[in-house]
C-alpha atoms as a PDB file:
ATOM      1  CA  MET A   1      24.382  14.472 195.253  1.00  0.00           C
ATOM      2  CA  ALA A   2      25.360  11.329 193.322  1.00  0.00           C
ATOM      3  CA  SER A   3      25.175  13.203 190.028  1.00  0.00           C
ATOM      4  CA  LEU A   4      27.498  15.869 191.409  1.00  0.00           C
ATOM      5  CA  ALA A   5      29.993  13.180 192.433  1.00  0.00           C
ATOM      6  CA  VAL A   6      29.802  11.566 188.981  1.00  0.00           C
ATOM      7  CA  ALA A   7      30.336  14.953 187.311  1.00  0.00           C
ATOM      8  CA  ALA A   8      33.353  15.649 189.525  1.00  0.00           C
ATOM      9  CA  LEU A   9      34.785  12.194 188.802  1.00  0.00           C
ATOM     10  CA  MET A  10      34.315  12.711 185.044  1.00  0.00           C
ATOM     11  CA  THR A  11      36.046  16.097 185.206  1.00  0.00           C
ATOM     12  CA  VAL A  12      39.021  14.647 187.063  1.00  0.00           C
ATOM     13  CA  THR A  13      39.249  11.705 184.656  1.00  0.00           C
ATOM     14  CA  VAL A  14      39.058  13.849 181.531  1.00  0.00           C
ATOM     15  CA  THR A  15      41.549  16.372 182.884  1.00  0.00           C
ATOM     16  CA  ALA A  16      44.032  13.740 184.023  1.00  0.00           C
ATOM     17  CA  CYS A  17      43.811  11.576 180.891  1.00  0.00           C
ATOM     18  CA  ALA A  18      43.716  14.228 178.215  1.00  0.00           C
ATOM     19  CA  HIS A  19      47.023  15.240 176.680  1.00  0.00           C
ATOM     20  CA  PRO A  20      47.286  18.776 175.440  1.00  0.00           C
ATOM     21  CA  LEU A  21      47.180  19.013 171.662  1.00  0.00           C
ATOM     22  CA  ARG A  22      50.581  19.681 170.190  1.00  0.00           C
ATOM     23  CA  ASP A  23      51.223  21.501 166.964  1.00  0.00           C
ATOM     24  CA  LEU A  24      53.100  19.011 164.809  1.00  0.00           C
ATOM     25  CA  GLY A  25      53.712  21.528 162.050  1.00  0.00           C
ATOM     26  CA  PRO A  26      52.289  21.632 158.559  1.00  0.00           C
ATOM     27  CA  LEU A  27      50.822  18.558 156.949  1.00  0.00           C
ATOM     28  CA  PRO A  28      53.031  16.804 154.415  1.00  0.00           C
ATOM     29  CA  PRO A  29      52.223  17.413 150.757  1.00  0.00           C
ATOM     30  CA  ARG A  30      49.482  15.251 149.299  1.00  0.00           C
ATOM     31  CA  PHE A  31      51.816  14.117 146.522  1.00  0.00           C
ATOM     32  CA  SER A  32      55.537  13.999 145.852  1.00  0.00           C
ATOM     33  CA  GLY A  33      57.312  15.688 143.013  1.00  0.00           C
ATOM     34  CA  PRO A  34      56.165  18.639 140.975  1.00  0.00           C
ATOM     35  CA  PRO A  35      52.520  18.768 139.898  1.00  0.00           C
ATOM     36  CA  LEU A  36      51.930  17.727 136.294  1.00  0.00           C
ATOM     37  CA  PRO A  37      49.647  19.540 133.878  1.00  0.00           C
ATOM     38  CA  ALA A  38      46.748  17.422 132.627  1.00  0.00           C
ATOM     39  CA  ASP A  39      48.089  17.501 129.070  1.00  0.00           C
ATOM     40  CA  THR A  40      51.393  15.968 130.202  1.00  0.00           C
ATOM     41  CA  ALA A  41      49.750  13.178 132.210  1.00  0.00           C
ATOM     42  CA  VAL A  42      47.329  12.335 129.394  1.00  0.00           C
ATOM     43  CA  SER A  43      50.105  12.467 126.788  1.00  0.00           C
ATOM     44  CA  ASP A  44      52.272  10.035 128.793  1.00  0.00           C
ATOM     45  CA  ILE A  45      49.485   7.484 129.123  1.00  0.00           C
ATOM     46  CA  ALA A  46      48.197   7.902 125.558  1.00  0.00           C
ATOM     47  CA  SER A  47      51.707   7.406 124.158  1.00  0.00           C
ATOM     48  CA  VAL A  48      52.316   4.152 126.051  1.00  0.00           C
ATOM     49  CA  LEU A  49      48.929   2.830 124.957  1.00  0.00           C
ATOM     50  CA  THR A  50      49.753   3.695 121.336  1.00  0.00           C
ATOM     51  CA  ALA A  51      53.162   2.009 121.663  1.00  0.00           C
ATOM     52  CA  GLU A  52      51.342  -1.195 122.654  1.00  0.00           C
ATOM     53  CA  GLY A  53      48.994  -0.959 119.667  1.00  0.00           C
ATOM     54  CA  VAL A  54      46.032   0.377 121.646  1.00  0.00           C
ATOM     55  CA  THR A  55      44.199   3.415 120.300  1.00  0.00           C
ATOM     56  CA  ALA A  56      42.507   5.564 122.924  1.00  0.00           C
ATOM     57  CA  ALA A  57      40.648   8.838 122.573  1.00  0.00           C
ATOM     58  CA  ARG A  58      40.734  11.580 125.171  1.00  0.00           C
ATOM     59  CA  GLU A  59      37.263  12.373 126.393  1.00  0.00           C
ATOM     60  CA  PRO A  60      36.517  15.932 127.415  1.00  0.00           C
ATOM     61  CA  SER A  61      36.486  16.539 131.142  1.00  0.00           C
ATOM     62  CA  ASN A  62      32.835  17.296 131.930  1.00  0.00           C
ATOM     63  CA  ALA A  63      33.315  18.147 135.587  1.00  0.00           C
ATOM     64  CA  GLN A  64      33.938  21.862 135.977  1.00  0.00           C
ATOM     65  CA  GLY A  65      36.712  22.415 138.489  1.00  0.00           C
ATOM     66  CA  MET A  66      37.293  18.677 138.919  1.00  0.00           C
ATOM     67  CA  CYS A  67      40.692  17.287 138.231  1.00  0.00           C
ATOM     68  CA  SER A  68      40.017  14.214 136.103  1.00  0.00           C
ATOM     69  CA  GLU A  69      40.539  12.973 132.568  1.00  0.00           C
ATOM     70  CA  ARG A  70      39.522   9.838 130.695  1.00  0.00           C
ATOM     71  CA  LEU A  71      40.928   7.849 127.799  1.00  0.00           C
ATOM     72  CA  SER A  72      38.738   5.231 126.183  1.00  0.00           C
ATOM     73  CA  GLY A  73      38.794   2.951 123.205  1.00  0.00           C
ATOM     74  CA  ARG A  74      38.183  -0.517 121.858  1.00  0.00           C
ATOM     75  CA  HIS A  75      40.722  -3.283 121.386  1.00  0.00           C
ATOM     76  CA  ALA A  76      40.694  -6.962 120.423  1.00  0.00           C
ATOM     77  CA  SER A  77      39.078  -8.815 123.296  1.00  0.00           C
ATOM     78  CA  GLU A  78      41.760 -11.526 123.442  1.00  0.00           C
ATOM     79  CA  ALA A  79      44.587  -8.985 123.724  1.00  0.00           C
ATOM     80  CA  VAL A  80      43.211  -6.035 125.695  1.00  0.00           C
ATOM     81  CA  ASP A  81      44.328  -7.227 129.162  1.00  0.00           C
ATOM     82  CA  ALA A  82      47.886  -7.967 128.000  1.00  0.00           C
ATOM     83  CA  ALA A  83      48.091  -4.679 126.085  1.00  0.00           C
ATOM     84  CA  LEU A  84      46.953  -2.621 129.087  1.00  0.00           C
ATOM     85  CA  LYS A  85      49.407  -4.422 131.389  1.00  0.00           C
ATOM     86  CA  ALA A  86      52.244  -3.833 128.910  1.00  0.00           C
ATOM     87  CA  ALA A  87      51.299  -0.151 128.530  1.00  0.00           C
ATOM     88  CA  PHE A  88      51.329   0.356 132.309  1.00  0.00           C
ATOM     89  CA  ALA A  89      54.728  -1.381 132.528  1.00  0.00           C
ATOM     90  CA  ARG A  90      56.022   0.894 129.757  1.00  0.00           C
ATOM     91  CA  ALA A  91      54.728   3.970 131.624  1.00  0.00           C
ATOM     92  CA  ARG A  92      56.747   2.866 134.655  1.00  0.00           C
ATOM     93  CA  SER A  93      59.945   2.163 132.730  1.00  0.00           C
ATOM     94  CA  GLU A  94      59.905   4.975 130.159  1.00  0.00           C
ATOM     95  CA  HIS A  95      57.977   7.828 131.774  1.00  0.00           C
ATOM     96  CA  GLY A  96      58.752   7.501 135.486  1.00  0.00           C
ATOM     97  CA  TRP A  97      55.292   6.496 136.671  1.00  0.00           C
ATOM     98  CA  GLN A  98      55.190   4.450 139.898  1.00  0.00           C
ATOM     99  CA  ASP A  99      52.849   1.702 141.057  1.00  0.00           C
ATOM    100  CA  GLY A 100      49.666   3.179 142.455  1.00  0.00           C
ATOM    101  CA  PRO A 101      47.529   1.933 145.324  1.00  0.00           C
ATOM    102  CA  ASP A 102      46.637  -1.762 145.244  1.00  0.00           C
ATOM    103  CA  MET A 103      43.016  -2.014 144.120  1.00  0.00           C
ATOM    104  CA  GLY A 104      42.935  -5.774 143.564  1.00  0.00           C
ATOM    105  CA  SER A 105      44.035  -8.144 140.835  1.00  0.00           C
ATOM    106  CA  GLY A 106      41.633  -6.853 138.174  1.00  0.00           C
ATOM    107  CA  THR A 107      42.759  -3.232 138.410  1.00  0.00           C
ATOM    108  CA  LEU A 108      45.919  -1.497 137.234  1.00  0.00           C
ATOM    109  CA  THR A 109      47.056   1.706 138.946  1.00  0.00           C
ATOM    110  CA  LEU A 110      49.892   4.171 138.476  1.00  0.00           C
ATOM    111  CA  ARG A 111      50.860   7.442 140.114  1.00  0.00           C
ATOM    112  CA  LYS A 112      53.149  10.302 139.220  1.00  0.00           C
ATOM    113  CA  GLY A 113      53.243  13.709 140.840  1.00  0.00           C
ATOM    114  CA  ASN A 114      49.675  14.700 141.582  1.00  0.00           C
ATOM    115  CA  TRP A 115      48.100  12.146 139.196  1.00  0.00           C
ATOM    116  CA  THR A 116      46.734   8.633 139.720  1.00  0.00           C
ATOM    117  CA  VAL A 117      45.806   6.455 136.738  1.00  0.00           C
ATOM    118  CA  LEU A 118      43.367   3.563 137.008  1.00  0.00           C
ATOM    119  CA  ALA A 119      42.243   0.919 134.497  1.00  0.00           C
ATOM    120  CA  ASN A 120      40.030  -2.090 135.126  1.00  0.00           C
ATOM    121  CA  LEU A 121      41.019  -5.170 133.159  1.00  0.00           C
ATOM    122  CA  PRO A 122      38.004  -6.313 131.127  1.00  0.00           C
ATOM    123  CA  GLY A 123      38.872 -10.035 131.499  1.00  0.00           C
ATOM    124  CA  ASN A 124      36.817 -12.925 130.029  1.00  0.00           C
ATOM    125  CA  PRO A 125      37.757 -12.388 126.384  1.00  0.00           C
ATOM    126  CA  THR A 126      35.249 -13.138 123.676  1.00  0.00           C
ATOM    127  CA  PRO A 127      37.159 -14.001 120.493  1.00  0.00           C
ATOM    128  CA  GLY A 128      36.483 -11.891 117.450  1.00  0.00           C
ATOM    129  CA  ILE A 129      34.970  -8.836 119.122  1.00  0.00           C
ATOM    130  CA  GLN A 130      36.368  -5.513 120.265  1.00  0.00           C
ATOM    131  CA  THR A 131      36.185  -4.842 124.000  1.00  0.00           C
ATOM    132  CA  MET A 132      35.766  -1.334 125.363  1.00  0.00           C
ATOM    133  CA  PHE A 133      38.280  -0.128 127.948  1.00  0.00           C
ATOM    134  CA  ILE A 134      38.525   3.048 130.011  1.00  0.00           C
ATOM    135  CA  VAL A 135      41.632   4.532 131.590  1.00  0.00           C
ATOM    136  CA  SER A 136      40.774   7.129 134.249  1.00  0.00           C
ATOM    137  CA  LEU A 137      43.222   9.804 135.353  1.00  0.00           C
ATOM    138  CA  MET A 138      42.579  11.743 138.564  1.00  0.00           C
ATOM    139  CA  CYS A 139      44.697  14.414 140.203  1.00  0.00           C
ATOM    140  CA  VAL A 140      44.992  15.718 143.726  1.00  0.00           C
ATOM    141  CA  ASP A 141      45.605  19.365 142.859  1.00  0.00           C
ATOM    142  CA  SER A 142      45.666  20.844 139.401  1.00  0.00           C
ATOM    143  CA  VAL A 143      48.647  22.896 138.278  1.00  0.00           C
ATOM    144  CA  ASP A 144      46.542  25.918 137.388  1.00  0.00           C
ATOM    145  CA  GLY A 145      44.151  25.579 140.335  1.00  0.00           C
ATOM    146  CA  GLY A 146      41.133  25.409 138.062  1.00  0.00           C
ATOM    147  CA  GLY A 147      40.716  21.761 137.205  1.00  0.00           C
ATOM    148  CA  ALA A 148      42.561  19.382 134.992  1.00  0.00           C
ATOM    149  CA  THR A 149      41.788  20.576 131.519  1.00  0.00           C
ATOM    150  CA  GLY A 150      44.606  22.885 130.665  1.00  0.00           C
ATOM    151  CA  ALA A 151      48.309  23.251 130.816  1.00  0.00           C
ATOM    152  CA  PRO A 152      49.638  26.197 132.827  1.00  0.00           C
END
């Protein structure tokens, strides 16, 4: 009898406290602006790196159907942090990239359209050696629907 009373009480509580689900319409887009082809995003970032004296090579995207790209290279250890910061600033001022999500003081991020760019600052320079750096580009949705590796 007590279990029946508890069940009835639970039913009344759930019914009285639950609000009916409302349809709030479609979800907002996952990014603003038109989607960019991978070649455009990579070209923007590669050009600002080159303008700051940093040479980076585009690595092939190994993930089939994944929307990601990578630029990597080596630069003078004493100057790599400053060069990456200057390149990201140039991307904002000359190519319309915006600040990306805050990932902490040792990480640079940018976003534009459906792309987010991320670079970790190597820090702790060792004079006289070249330090490796990686700039990762990830997209929410590819333009062609099949991954990041081609322009439409």
